[in-house]
Amino acid sequence: MPSLDQLQKLLETDPGDAFVLYGLGQEYARLGRFAEAVAHYDRCLAVDPLYCYAYYHKARAQAGMGAAALAKETLRSGLSAARKAGDVHAVAEMDALLETMD
């Protein structure tokens, strides 16, 4: 995985690159910087609303911040997007995560 600095440089080249935005979210989440992770997942989803795993990891970051209600809302939105995209694997993973939050 590229470093945070490398991802920031890539983002400067193309601010609308959903993959880079997702990668930045992943890096911030890995560092425990959940608010920044959520912000990057949101930017990713603004570019590509069907980027299913951004919903999943956004919800995990929100849960890490203690915002379980927001995480559940994110997962419900993600389930809708994953069904629309036909991504059964993402549906299963988000469904399983949602069940652990009830």
PDB file of N, CA and C in Angstrom:
ATOM      1  N   MET A   1       0.845  -1.177   0.000  1.00  0.00           N
ATOM      2  CA  MET A   1       0.000   0.000   0.000  1.00  0.00           C
ATOM      3  C   MET A   1       0.892   1.243   0.000  1.00  0.00           C
ATOM      4  N   PRO A   2       0.579   2.192  -0.865  1.00  0.00           N
ATOM      5  CA  PRO A   2       1.363   3.432  -0.880  1.00  0.00           C
ATOM      6  C   PRO A   2       1.232   4.178   0.448  1.00  0.00           C
ATOM      7  N   SER A   3       2.222   4.995   0.739  1.00  0.00           N
ATOM      8  CA  SER A   3       2.207   5.773   1.981  1.00  0.00           C
ATOM      9  C   SER A   3       1.209   6.923   1.870  1.00  0.00           C
ATOM     10  N   LEU A   4       0.941   7.529   2.991  1.00  0.00           N
ATOM     11  CA  LEU A   4       0.038   8.669   3.045  1.00  0.00           C
ATOM     12  C   LEU A   4       0.537   9.786   2.132  1.00  0.00           C
ATOM     13  N   ASP A   5       1.837  10.062   2.171  1.00  0.00           N
ATOM     14  CA  ASP A   5       2.415  11.108   1.323  1.00  0.00           C
ATOM     15  C   ASP A   5       2.254  10.777  -0.155  1.00  0.00           C
ATOM     16  N   GLN A   6       2.496   9.533  -0.515  1.00  0.00           N
ATOM     17  CA  GLN A   6       2.357   9.122  -1.915  1.00  0.00           C
ATOM     18  C   GLN A   6       0.908   9.269  -2.378  1.00  0.00           C
ATOM     19  N   LEU A   7      -0.019   8.883  -1.512  1.00  0.00           N
ATOM     20  CA  LEU A   7      -1.432   9.003  -1.871  1.00  0.00           C
ATOM     21  C   LEU A   7      -1.850  10.466  -2.010  1.00  0.00           C
ATOM     22  N   GLN A   8      -1.341  11.328  -1.129  1.00  0.00           N
ATOM     23  CA  GLN A   8      -1.651  12.761  -1.230  1.00  0.00           C
ATOM     24  C   GLN A   8      -1.144  13.331  -2.552  1.00  0.00           C
ATOM     25  N   LYS A   9       0.047  12.919  -2.969  1.00  0.00           N
ATOM     26  CA  LYS A   9       0.603  13.386  -4.250  1.00  0.00           C
ATOM     27  C   LYS A   9      -0.250  12.894  -5.410  1.00  0.00           C
ATOM     28  N   LEU A  10      -0.694  11.644  -5.341  1.00  0.00           N
ATOM     29  CA  LEU A  10      -1.572  11.121  -6.395  1.00  0.00           C
ATOM     30  C   LEU A  10      -2.885  11.898  -6.445  1.00  0.00           C
ATOM     31  N   LEU A  11      -3.394  12.263  -5.281  1.00  0.00           N
ATOM     32  CA  LEU A  11      -4.648  13.004  -5.219  1.00  0.00           C
ATOM     33  C   LEU A  11      -4.490  14.394  -5.824  1.00  0.00           C
ATOM     34  N   GLU A  12      -3.319  15.004  -5.640  1.00  0.00           N
ATOM     35  CA  GLU A  12      -3.055  16.309  -6.246  1.00  0.00           C
ATOM     36  C   GLU A  12      -3.124  16.207  -7.765  1.00  0.00           C
ATOM     37  N   THR A  13      -2.681  15.093  -8.307  1.00  0.00           N
ATOM     38  CA  THR A  13      -2.702  14.868  -9.751  1.00  0.00           C
ATOM     39  C   THR A  13      -4.127  14.713 -10.268  1.00  0.00           C
ATOM     40  N   ASP A  14      -4.960  13.995  -9.501  1.00  0.00           N
ATOM     41  CA  ASP A  14      -6.355  13.767  -9.898  1.00  0.00           C
ATOM     42  C   ASP A  14      -7.241  13.780  -8.653  1.00  0.00           C
ATOM     43  N   PRO A  15      -7.766  14.957  -8.275  1.00  0.00           N
ATOM     44  CA  PRO A  15      -8.580  15.074  -7.057  1.00  0.00           C
ATOM     45  C   PRO A  15      -9.873  14.261  -7.081  1.00  0.00           C
ATOM     46  N   GLY A  16     -10.262  13.765  -8.246  1.00  0.00           N
ATOM     47  CA  GLY A  16     -11.491  12.992  -8.356  1.00  0.00           C
ATOM     48  C   GLY A  16     -11.266  11.500  -8.498  1.00  0.00           C
ATOM     49  N   ASP A  17     -10.107  11.019  -8.106  1.00  0.00           N
ATOM     50  CA  ASP A  17      -9.790   9.593  -8.228  1.00  0.00           C
ATOM     51  C   ASP A  17     -10.360   8.841  -7.025  1.00  0.00           C
ATOM     52  N   ALA A  18     -11.454   8.124  -7.238  1.00  0.00           N
ATOM     53  CA  ALA A  18     -12.136   7.420  -6.151  1.00  0.00           C
ATOM     54  C   ALA A  18     -11.216   6.405  -5.475  1.00  0.00           C
ATOM     55  N   PHE A  19     -10.389   5.725  -6.239  1.00  0.00           N
ATOM     56  CA  PHE A  19      -9.491   4.715  -5.676  1.00  0.00           C
ATOM     57  C   PHE A  19      -8.486   5.359  -4.715  1.00  0.00           C
ATOM     58  N   VAL A  20      -7.941   6.506  -5.094  1.00  0.00           N
ATOM     59  CA  VAL A  20      -6.977   7.204  -4.237  1.00  0.00           C
ATOM     60  C   VAL A  20      -7.673   7.741  -2.989  1.00  0.00           C
ATOM     61  N   LEU A  21      -8.871   8.284  -3.154  1.00  0.00           N
ATOM     62  CA  LEU A  21      -9.631   8.775  -2.007  1.00  0.00           C
ATOM     63  C   LEU A  21      -9.928   7.635  -1.022  1.00  0.00           C
ATOM     64  N   TYR A  22     -10.307   6.481  -1.567  1.00  0.00           N
ATOM     65  CA  TYR A  22     -10.549   5.298  -0.739  1.00  0.00           C
ATOM     66  C   TYR A  22      -9.256   4.887  -0.029  1.00  0.00           C
ATOM     67  N   GLY A  23      -8.153   4.871  -0.756  1.00  0.00           N
ATOM     68  CA  GLY A  23      -6.862   4.514  -0.171  1.00  0.00           C
ATOM     69  C   GLY A  23      -6.465   5.446   0.960  1.00  0.00           C
ATOM     70  N   LEU A  24      -6.737   6.735   0.787  1.00  0.00           N
ATOM     71  CA  LEU A  24      -6.453   7.689   1.864  1.00  0.00           C
ATOM     72  C   LEU A  24      -7.334   7.395   3.075  1.00  0.00           C
ATOM     73  N   GLY A  25      -8.588   7.080   2.834  1.00  0.00           N
ATOM     74  CA  GLY A  25      -9.467   6.701   3.933  1.00  0.00           C
ATOM     75  C   GLY A  25      -8.913   5.497   4.677  1.00  0.00           C
ATOM     76  N   GLN A  26      -8.444   4.526   3.938  1.00  0.00           N
ATOM     77  CA  GLN A  26      -7.875   3.320   4.550  1.00  0.00           C
ATOM     78  C   GLN A  26      -6.651   3.655   5.403  1.00  0.00           C
ATOM     79  N   GLU A  27      -5.788   4.501   4.873  1.00  0.00           N
ATOM     80  CA  GLU A  27      -4.575   4.867   5.609  1.00  0.00           C
ATOM     81  C   GLU A  27      -4.908   5.638   6.878  1.00  0.00           C
ATOM     82  N   TYR A  28      -5.823   6.593   6.773  1.00  0.00           N
ATOM     83  CA  TYR A  28      -6.205   7.349   7.973  1.00  0.00           C
ATOM     84  C   TYR A  28      -6.857   6.427   9.006  1.00  0.00           C
ATOM     85  N   ALA A  29      -7.683   5.505   8.559  1.00  0.00           N
ATOM     86  CA  ALA A  29      -8.317   4.560   9.489  1.00  0.00           C
ATOM     87  C   ALA A  29      -7.258   3.686  10.160  1.00  0.00           C
ATOM     88  N   ARG A  30      -6.288   3.241   9.385  1.00  0.00           N
ATOM     89  CA  ARG A  30      -5.213   2.408   9.930  1.00  0.00           C
ATOM     90  C   ARG A  30      -4.445   3.151  11.015  1.00  0.00           C
ATOM     91  N   LEU A  31      -4.329   4.469  10.853  1.00  0.00           N
ATOM     92  CA  LEU A  31      -3.618   5.302  11.819  1.00  0.00           C
ATOM     93  C   LEU A  31      -4.503   5.713  12.998  1.00  0.00           C
ATOM     94  N   GLY A  32      -5.771   5.287  12.966  1.00  0.00           N
ATOM     95  CA  GLY A  32      -6.693   5.659  14.032  1.00  0.00           C
ATOM     96  C   GLY A  32      -7.233   7.068  13.902  1.00  0.00           C
ATOM     97  N   ARG A  33      -7.054   7.680  12.759  1.00  0.00           N
ATOM     98  CA  ARG A  33      -7.531   9.041  12.494  1.00  0.00           C
ATOM     99  C   ARG A  33      -8.887   8.924  11.789  1.00  0.00           C
ATOM    100  N   PHE A  34      -9.869   8.509  12.568  1.00  0.00           N
ATOM    101  CA  PHE A  34     -11.159   8.115  12.014  1.00  0.00           C
ATOM    102  C   PHE A  34     -11.936   9.256  11.356  1.00  0.00           C
ATOM    103  N   ALA A  35     -11.881  10.444  11.914  1.00  0.00           N
ATOM    104  CA  ALA A  35     -12.613  11.568  11.308  1.00  0.00           C
ATOM    105  C   ALA A  35     -12.059  11.862   9.913  1.00  0.00           C
ATOM    106  N   GLU A  36     -10.748  11.823   9.764  1.00  0.00           N
ATOM    107  CA  GLU A  36     -10.144  12.047   8.453  1.00  0.00           C
ATOM    108  C   GLU A  36     -10.466  10.891   7.503  1.00  0.00           C
ATOM    109  N   ALA A  37     -10.512   9.699   8.035  1.00  0.00           N
ATOM    110  CA  ALA A  37     -10.883   8.543   7.216  1.00  0.00           C
ATOM    111  C   ALA A  37     -12.295   8.723   6.681  1.00  0.00           C
ATOM    112  N   VAL A  38     -13.227   9.068   7.561  1.00  0.00           N
ATOM    113  CA  VAL A  38     -14.622   9.259   7.154  1.00  0.00           C
ATOM    114  C   VAL A  38     -14.717  10.341   6.082  1.00  0.00           C
ATOM    115  N   ALA A  39     -13.986  11.428   6.256  1.00  0.00           N
ATOM    116  CA  ALA A  39     -14.013  12.514   5.273  1.00  0.00           C
ATOM    117  C   ALA A  39     -13.560  12.022   3.896  1.00  0.00           C
ATOM    118  N   HIS A  40     -12.541  11.171   3.867  1.00  0.00           N
ATOM    119  CA  HIS A  40     -12.059  10.665   2.577  1.00  0.00           C
ATOM    120  C   HIS A  40     -13.012   9.620   1.985  1.00  0.00           C
ATOM    121  N   TYR A  41     -13.606   8.804   2.826  1.00  0.00           N
ATOM    122  CA  TYR A  41     -14.618   7.875   2.305  1.00  0.00           C
ATOM    123  C   TYR A  41     -15.792   8.657   1.722  1.00  0.00           C
ATOM    124  N   ASP A  42     -16.184   9.755   2.392  1.00  0.00           N
ATOM    125  CA  ASP A  42     -17.264  10.587   1.874  1.00  0.00           C
ATOM    126  C   ASP A  42     -16.908  11.175   0.512  1.00  0.00           C
ATOM    127  N   ARG A  43     -15.680  11.649   0.385  1.00  0.00           N
ATOM    128  CA  ARG A  43     -15.241  12.194  -0.909  1.00  0.00           C
ATOM    129  C   ARG A  43     -15.239  11.112  -1.981  1.00  0.00           C
ATOM    130  N   CYS A  44     -14.807   9.904  -1.610  1.00  0.00           N
ATOM    131  CA  CYS A  44     -14.818   8.770  -2.533  1.00  0.00           C
ATOM    132  C   CYS A  44     -16.243   8.494  -3.009  1.00  0.00           C
ATOM    133  N   LEU A  45     -17.170   8.474  -2.062  1.00  0.00           N
ATOM    134  CA  LEU A  45     -18.563   8.166  -2.399  1.00  0.00           C
ATOM    135  C   LEU A  45     -19.223   9.285  -3.190  1.00  0.00           C
ATOM    136  N   ALA A  46     -18.762  10.515  -3.020  1.00  0.00           N
ATOM    137  CA  ALA A  46     -19.281  11.626  -3.822  1.00  0.00           C
ATOM    138  C   ALA A  46     -18.881  11.444  -5.287  1.00  0.00           C
ATOM    139  N   VAL A  47     -17.685  10.899  -5.505  1.00  0.00           N
ATOM    140  CA  VAL A  47     -17.199  10.638  -6.859  1.00  0.00           C
ATOM    141  C   VAL A  47     -17.865   9.393  -7.439  1.00  0.00           C
ATOM    142  N   ASP A  48     -17.971   8.344  -6.621  1.00  0.00           N
ATOM    143  CA  ASP A  48     -18.529   7.070  -7.076  1.00  0.00           C
ATOM    144  C   ASP A  48     -19.454   6.496  -6.001  1.00  0.00           C
ATOM    145  N   PRO A  49     -20.752   6.815  -6.092  1.00  0.00           N
ATOM    146  CA  PRO A  49     -21.704   6.360  -5.074  1.00  0.00           C
ATOM    147  C   PRO A  49     -21.862   4.840  -4.978  1.00  0.00           C
ATOM    148  N   LEU A  50     -21.315   4.102  -5.930  1.00  0.00           N
ATOM    149  CA  LEU A  50     -21.410   2.644  -5.896  1.00  0.00           C
ATOM    150  C   LEU A  50     -20.085   1.986  -5.470  1.00  0.00           C
ATOM    151  N   TYR A  51     -19.192   2.758  -4.885  1.00  0.00           N
ATOM    152  CA  TYR A  51     -17.922   2.222  -4.386  1.00  0.00           C
ATOM    153  C   TYR A  51     -18.227   1.546  -3.046  1.00  0.00           C
ATOM    154  N   CYS A  52     -18.706   0.336  -3.128  1.00  0.00           N
ATOM    155  CA  CYS A  52     -19.340  -0.359  -2.000  1.00  0.00           C
ATOM    156  C   CYS A  52     -18.472  -0.469  -0.753  1.00  0.00           C
ATOM    157  N   TYR A  53     -17.197  -0.753  -0.913  1.00  0.00           N
ATOM    158  CA  TYR A  53     -16.374  -0.955   0.272  1.00  0.00           C
ATOM    159  C   TYR A  53     -16.063   0.345   1.003  1.00  0.00           C
ATOM    160  N   ALA A  54     -16.268   1.479   0.350  1.00  0.00           N
ATOM    161  CA  ALA A  54     -16.120   2.759   1.056  1.00  0.00           C
ATOM    162  C   ALA A  54     -17.196   2.876   2.130  1.00  0.00           C
ATOM    163  N   TYR A  55     -18.390   2.358   1.857  1.00  0.00           N
ATOM    164  CA  TYR A  55     -19.456   2.373   2.870  1.00  0.00           C
ATOM    165  C   TYR A  55     -19.065   1.483   4.055  1.00  0.00           C
ATOM    166  N   TYR A  56     -18.596   0.306   3.738  1.00  0.00           N
ATOM    167  CA  TYR A  56     -18.218  -0.655   4.782  1.00  0.00           C
ATOM    168  C   TYR A  56     -17.155  -0.063   5.710  1.00  0.00           C
ATOM    169  N   HIS A  57     -16.089   0.467   5.119  1.00  0.00           N
ATOM    170  CA  HIS A  57     -14.987   0.974   5.930  1.00  0.00           C
ATOM    171  C   HIS A  57     -15.327   2.310   6.582  1.00  0.00           C
ATOM    172  N   LYS A  58     -16.178   3.094   5.939  1.00  0.00           N
ATOM    173  CA  LYS A  58     -16.658   4.317   6.584  1.00  0.00           C
ATOM    174  C   LYS A  58     -17.415   3.950   7.859  1.00  0.00           C
ATOM    175  N   ALA A  59     -18.269   2.943   7.771  1.00  0.00           N
ATOM    176  CA  ALA A  59     -19.029   2.508   8.950  1.00  0.00           C
ATOM    177  C   ALA A  59     -18.093   2.017  10.052  1.00  0.00           C
ATOM    178  N   ARG A  60     -17.064   1.288   9.690  1.00  0.00           N
ATOM    179  CA  ARG A  60     -16.098   0.823  10.697  1.00  0.00           C
ATOM    180  C   ARG A  60     -15.392   1.998  11.358  1.00  0.00           C
ATOM    181  N   ALA A  61     -15.043   3.011  10.570  1.00  0.00           N
ATOM    182  CA  ALA A  61     -14.395   4.204  11.131  1.00  0.00           C
ATOM    183  C   ALA A  61     -15.368   4.945  12.048  1.00  0.00           C
ATOM    184  N   GLN A  62     -16.619   5.056  11.625  1.00  0.00           N
ATOM    185  CA  GLN A  62     -17.612   5.712  12.472  1.00  0.00           C
ATOM    186  C   GLN A  62     -17.789   4.946  13.782  1.00  0.00           C
ATOM    187  N   ALA A  63     -17.819   3.634  13.700  1.00  0.00           N
ATOM    188  CA  ALA A  63     -17.915   2.824  14.919  1.00  0.00           C
ATOM    189  C   ALA A  63     -16.690   3.059  15.803  1.00  0.00           C
ATOM    190  N   GLY A  64     -15.527   3.190  15.181  1.00  0.00           N
ATOM    191  CA  GLY A  64     -14.299   3.468  15.920  1.00  0.00           C
ATOM    192  C   GLY A  64     -14.339   4.810  16.635  1.00  0.00           C
ATOM    193  N   MET A  65     -15.151   5.726  16.124  1.00  0.00           N
ATOM    194  CA  MET A  65     -15.322   7.042  16.744  1.00  0.00           C
ATOM    195  C   MET A  65     -16.427   7.018  17.796  1.00  0.00           C
ATOM    196  N   GLY A  66     -17.088   5.879  17.943  1.00  0.00           N
ATOM    197  CA  GLY A  66     -18.185   5.784  18.902  1.00  0.00           C
ATOM    198  C   GLY A  66     -19.515   6.259  18.352  1.00  0.00           C
ATOM    199  N   ALA A  67     -19.624   6.328  17.035  1.00  0.00           N
ATOM    200  CA  ALA A  67     -20.853   6.803  16.387  1.00  0.00           C
ATOM    201  C   ALA A  67     -21.596   5.628  15.752  1.00  0.00           C
ATOM    202  N   ALA A  68     -22.073   4.716  16.596  1.00  0.00           N
ATOM    203  CA  ALA A  68     -22.720   3.491  16.109  1.00  0.00           C
ATOM    204  C   ALA A  68     -23.962   3.787  15.284  1.00  0.00           C
ATOM    205  N   ALA A  69     -24.757   4.767  15.670  1.00  0.00           N
ATOM    206  CA  ALA A  69     -25.975   5.088  14.920  1.00  0.00           C
ATOM    207  C   ALA A  69     -25.633   5.553  13.508  1.00  0.00           C
ATOM    208  N   LEU A  70     -24.600   6.372  13.377  1.00  0.00           N
ATOM    209  CA  LEU A  70     -24.170   6.812  12.047  1.00  0.00           C
ATOM    210  C   LEU A  70     -23.621   5.642  11.244  1.00  0.00           C
ATOM    211  N   ALA A  71     -22.893   4.759  11.908  1.00  0.00           N
ATOM    212  CA  ALA A  71     -22.332   3.584  11.229  1.00  0.00           C
ATOM    213  C   ALA A  71     -23.453   2.711  10.669  1.00  0.00           C
ATOM    214  N   LYS A  72     -24.512   2.524  11.429  1.00  0.00           N
ATOM    215  CA  LYS A  72     -25.652   1.722  10.951  1.00  0.00           C
ATOM    216  C   LYS A  72     -26.313   2.385   9.753  1.00  0.00           C
ATOM    217  N   GLU A  73     -26.457   3.698   9.809  1.00  0.00           N
ATOM    218  CA  GLU A  73     -27.046   4.441   8.686  1.00  0.00           C
ATOM    219  C   GLU A  73     -26.178   4.295   7.435  1.00  0.00           C
ATOM    220  N   THR A  74     -24.871   4.381   7.624  1.00  0.00           N
ATOM    221  CA  THR A  74     -23.934   4.211   6.507  1.00  0.00           C
ATOM    222  C   THR A  74     -24.064   2.817   5.911  1.00  0.00           C
ATOM    223  N   LEU A  75     -24.161   1.810   6.756  1.00  0.00           N
ATOM    224  CA  LEU A  75     -24.291   0.439   6.259  1.00  0.00           C
ATOM    225  C   LEU A  75     -25.596   0.242   5.496  1.00  0.00           C
ATOM    226  N   ARG A  76     -26.666   0.841   5.963  1.00  0.00           N
ATOM    227  CA  ARG A  76     -27.942   0.721   5.241  1.00  0.00           C
ATOM    228  C   ARG A  76     -27.841   1.368   3.854  1.00  0.00           C
ATOM    229  N   SER A  77     -27.195   2.525   3.787  1.00  0.00           N
ATOM    230  CA  SER A  77     -26.976   3.172   2.485  1.00  0.00           C
ATOM    231  C   SER A  77     -26.075   2.306   1.617  1.00  0.00           C
ATOM    232  N   GLY A  78     -25.044   1.729   2.236  1.00  0.00           N
ATOM    233  CA  GLY A  78     -24.118   0.866   1.503  1.00  0.00           C
ATOM    234  C   GLY A  78     -24.790  -0.393   0.982  1.00  0.00           C
ATOM    235  N   LEU A  79     -25.691  -0.952   1.774  1.00  0.00           N
ATOM    236  CA  LEU A  79     -26.428  -2.135   1.315  1.00  0.00           C
ATOM    237  C   LEU A  79     -27.259  -1.807   0.085  1.00  0.00           C
ATOM    238  N   SER A  80     -27.887  -0.654   0.094  1.00  0.00           N
ATOM    239  CA  SER A  80     -28.681  -0.226  -1.061  1.00  0.00           C
ATOM    240  C   SER A  80     -27.791  -0.068  -2.295  1.00  0.00           C
ATOM    241  N   ALA A  81     -26.641   0.567  -2.120  1.00  0.00           N
ATOM    242  CA  ALA A  81     -25.708   0.762  -3.231  1.00  0.00           C
ATOM    243  C   ALA A  81     -25.172  -0.573  -3.739  1.00  0.00           C
ATOM    244  N   ALA A  82     -24.826  -1.475  -2.813  1.00  0.00           N
ATOM    245  CA  ALA A  82     -24.279  -2.780  -3.212  1.00  0.00           C
ATOM    246  C   ALA A  82     -25.311  -3.603  -3.964  1.00  0.00           C
ATOM    247  N   ARG A  83     -26.559  -3.529  -3.528  1.00  0.00           N
ATOM    248  CA  ARG A  83     -27.619  -4.251  -4.256  1.00  0.00           C
ATOM    249  C   ARG A  83     -27.790  -3.668  -5.656  1.00  0.00           C
ATOM    250  N   LYS A  84     -27.750  -2.341  -5.737  1.00  0.00           N
ATOM    251  CA  LYS A  84     -27.872  -1.683  -7.039  1.00  0.00           C
ATOM    252  C   LYS A  84     -26.714  -2.065  -7.960  1.00  0.00           C
ATOM    253  N   ALA A  85     -25.514  -2.179  -7.372  1.00  0.00           N
ATOM    254  CA  ALA A  85     -24.327  -2.545  -8.141  1.00  0.00           C
ATOM    255  C   ALA A  85     -24.257  -4.044  -8.427  1.00  0.00           C
ATOM    256  N   GLY A  86     -25.088  -4.839  -7.734  1.00  0.00           N
ATOM    257  CA  GLY A  86     -25.054  -6.285  -7.912  1.00  0.00           C
ATOM    258  C   GLY A  86     -23.860  -6.937  -7.234  1.00  0.00           C
ATOM    259  N   ASP A  87     -23.322  -6.292  -6.206  1.00  0.00           N
ATOM    260  CA  ASP A  87     -22.146  -6.797  -5.502  1.00  0.00           C
ATOM    261  C   ASP A  87     -22.600  -7.620  -4.292  1.00  0.00           C
ATOM    262  N   VAL A  88     -22.834  -8.907  -4.520  1.00  0.00           N
ATOM    263  CA  VAL A  88     -23.361  -9.774  -3.462  1.00  0.00           C
ATOM    264  C   VAL A  88     -22.367  -9.957  -2.312  1.00  0.00           C
ATOM    265  N   HIS A  89     -21.084  -9.935  -2.617  1.00  0.00           N
ATOM    266  CA  HIS A  89     -20.070 -10.071  -1.568  1.00  0.00           C
ATOM    267  C   HIS A  89     -20.129  -8.867  -0.623  1.00  0.00           C
ATOM    268  N   ALA A  90     -20.221  -7.673  -1.183  1.00  0.00           N
ATOM    269  CA  ALA A  90     -20.319  -6.463  -0.358  1.00  0.00           C
ATOM    270  C   ALA A  90     -21.604  -6.482   0.467  1.00  0.00           C
ATOM    271  N   VAL A  91     -22.700  -6.953  -0.138  1.00  0.00           N
ATOM    272  CA  VAL A  91     -23.970  -7.055   0.603  1.00  0.00           C
ATOM    273  C   VAL A  91     -23.781  -7.962   1.811  1.00  0.00           C
ATOM    274  N   ALA A  92     -23.169  -9.114   1.598  1.00  0.00           N
ATOM    275  CA  ALA A  92     -22.969 -10.072   2.694  1.00  0.00           C
ATOM    276  C   ALA A  92     -22.093  -9.481   3.794  1.00  0.00           C
ATOM    277  N   GLU A  93     -21.013  -8.803   3.418  1.00  0.00           N
ATOM    278  CA  GLU A  93     -20.107  -8.243   4.422  1.00  0.00           C
ATOM    279  C   GLU A  93     -20.771  -7.120   5.210  1.00  0.00           C
ATOM    280  N   MET A  94     -21.500  -6.243   4.517  1.00  0.00           N
ATOM    281  CA  MET A  94     -22.169  -5.153   5.221  1.00  0.00           C
ATOM    282  C   MET A  94     -23.301  -5.670   6.095  1.00  0.00           C
ATOM    283  N   ASP A  95     -24.022  -6.653   5.599  1.00  0.00           N
ATOM    284  CA  ASP A  95     -25.097  -7.269   6.387  1.00  0.00           C
ATOM    285  C   ASP A  95     -24.536  -7.872   7.680  1.00  0.00           C
ATOM    286  N   ALA A  96     -23.414  -8.564   7.553  1.00  0.00           N
ATOM    287  CA  ALA A  96     -22.789  -9.200   8.722  1.00  0.00           C
ATOM    288  C   ALA A  96     -22.319  -8.143   9.724  1.00  0.00           C
ATOM    289  N   LEU A  97     -21.731  -7.073   9.227  1.00  0.00           N
ATOM    290  CA  LEU A  97     -21.262  -5.998  10.116  1.00  0.00           C
ATOM    291  C   LEU A  97     -22.447  -5.331  10.798  1.00  0.00           C
ATOM    292  N   LEU A  98     -23.507  -5.098  10.052  1.00  0.00           N
ATOM    293  CA  LEU A  98     -24.703  -4.473  10.618  1.00  0.00           C
ATOM    294  C   LEU A  98     -25.283  -5.341  11.739  1.00  0.00           C
ATOM    295  N   GLU A  99     -25.291  -6.645  11.540  1.00  0.00           N
ATOM    296  CA  GLU A  99     -25.814  -7.566  12.572  1.00  0.00           C
ATOM    297  C   GLU A  99     -25.005  -7.494  13.858  1.00  0.00           C
ATOM    298  N   THR A 100     -23.703  -7.251  13.747  1.00  0.00           N
ATOM    299  CA  THR A 100     -22.875  -7.164  14.957  1.00  0.00           C
ATOM    300  C   THR A 100     -23.128  -5.869  15.723  1.00  0.00           C
ATOM    301  N   MET A 101     -23.752  -4.904  15.084  1.00  0.00           N
ATOM    302  CA  MET A 101     -24.006  -3.606  15.717  1.00  0.00           C
ATOM    303  C   MET A 101     -25.375  -3.525  16.370  1.00  0.00           C
ATOM    304  N   ASP A 102     -26.207  -4.525  16.157  1.00  0.00           N
ATOM    305  CA  ASP A 102     -27.551  -4.504  16.760  1.00  0.00           C
ATOM    306  C   ASP A 102     -27.546  -4.982  18.188  1.00  0.00           C
TER     307      ASP A 102
END
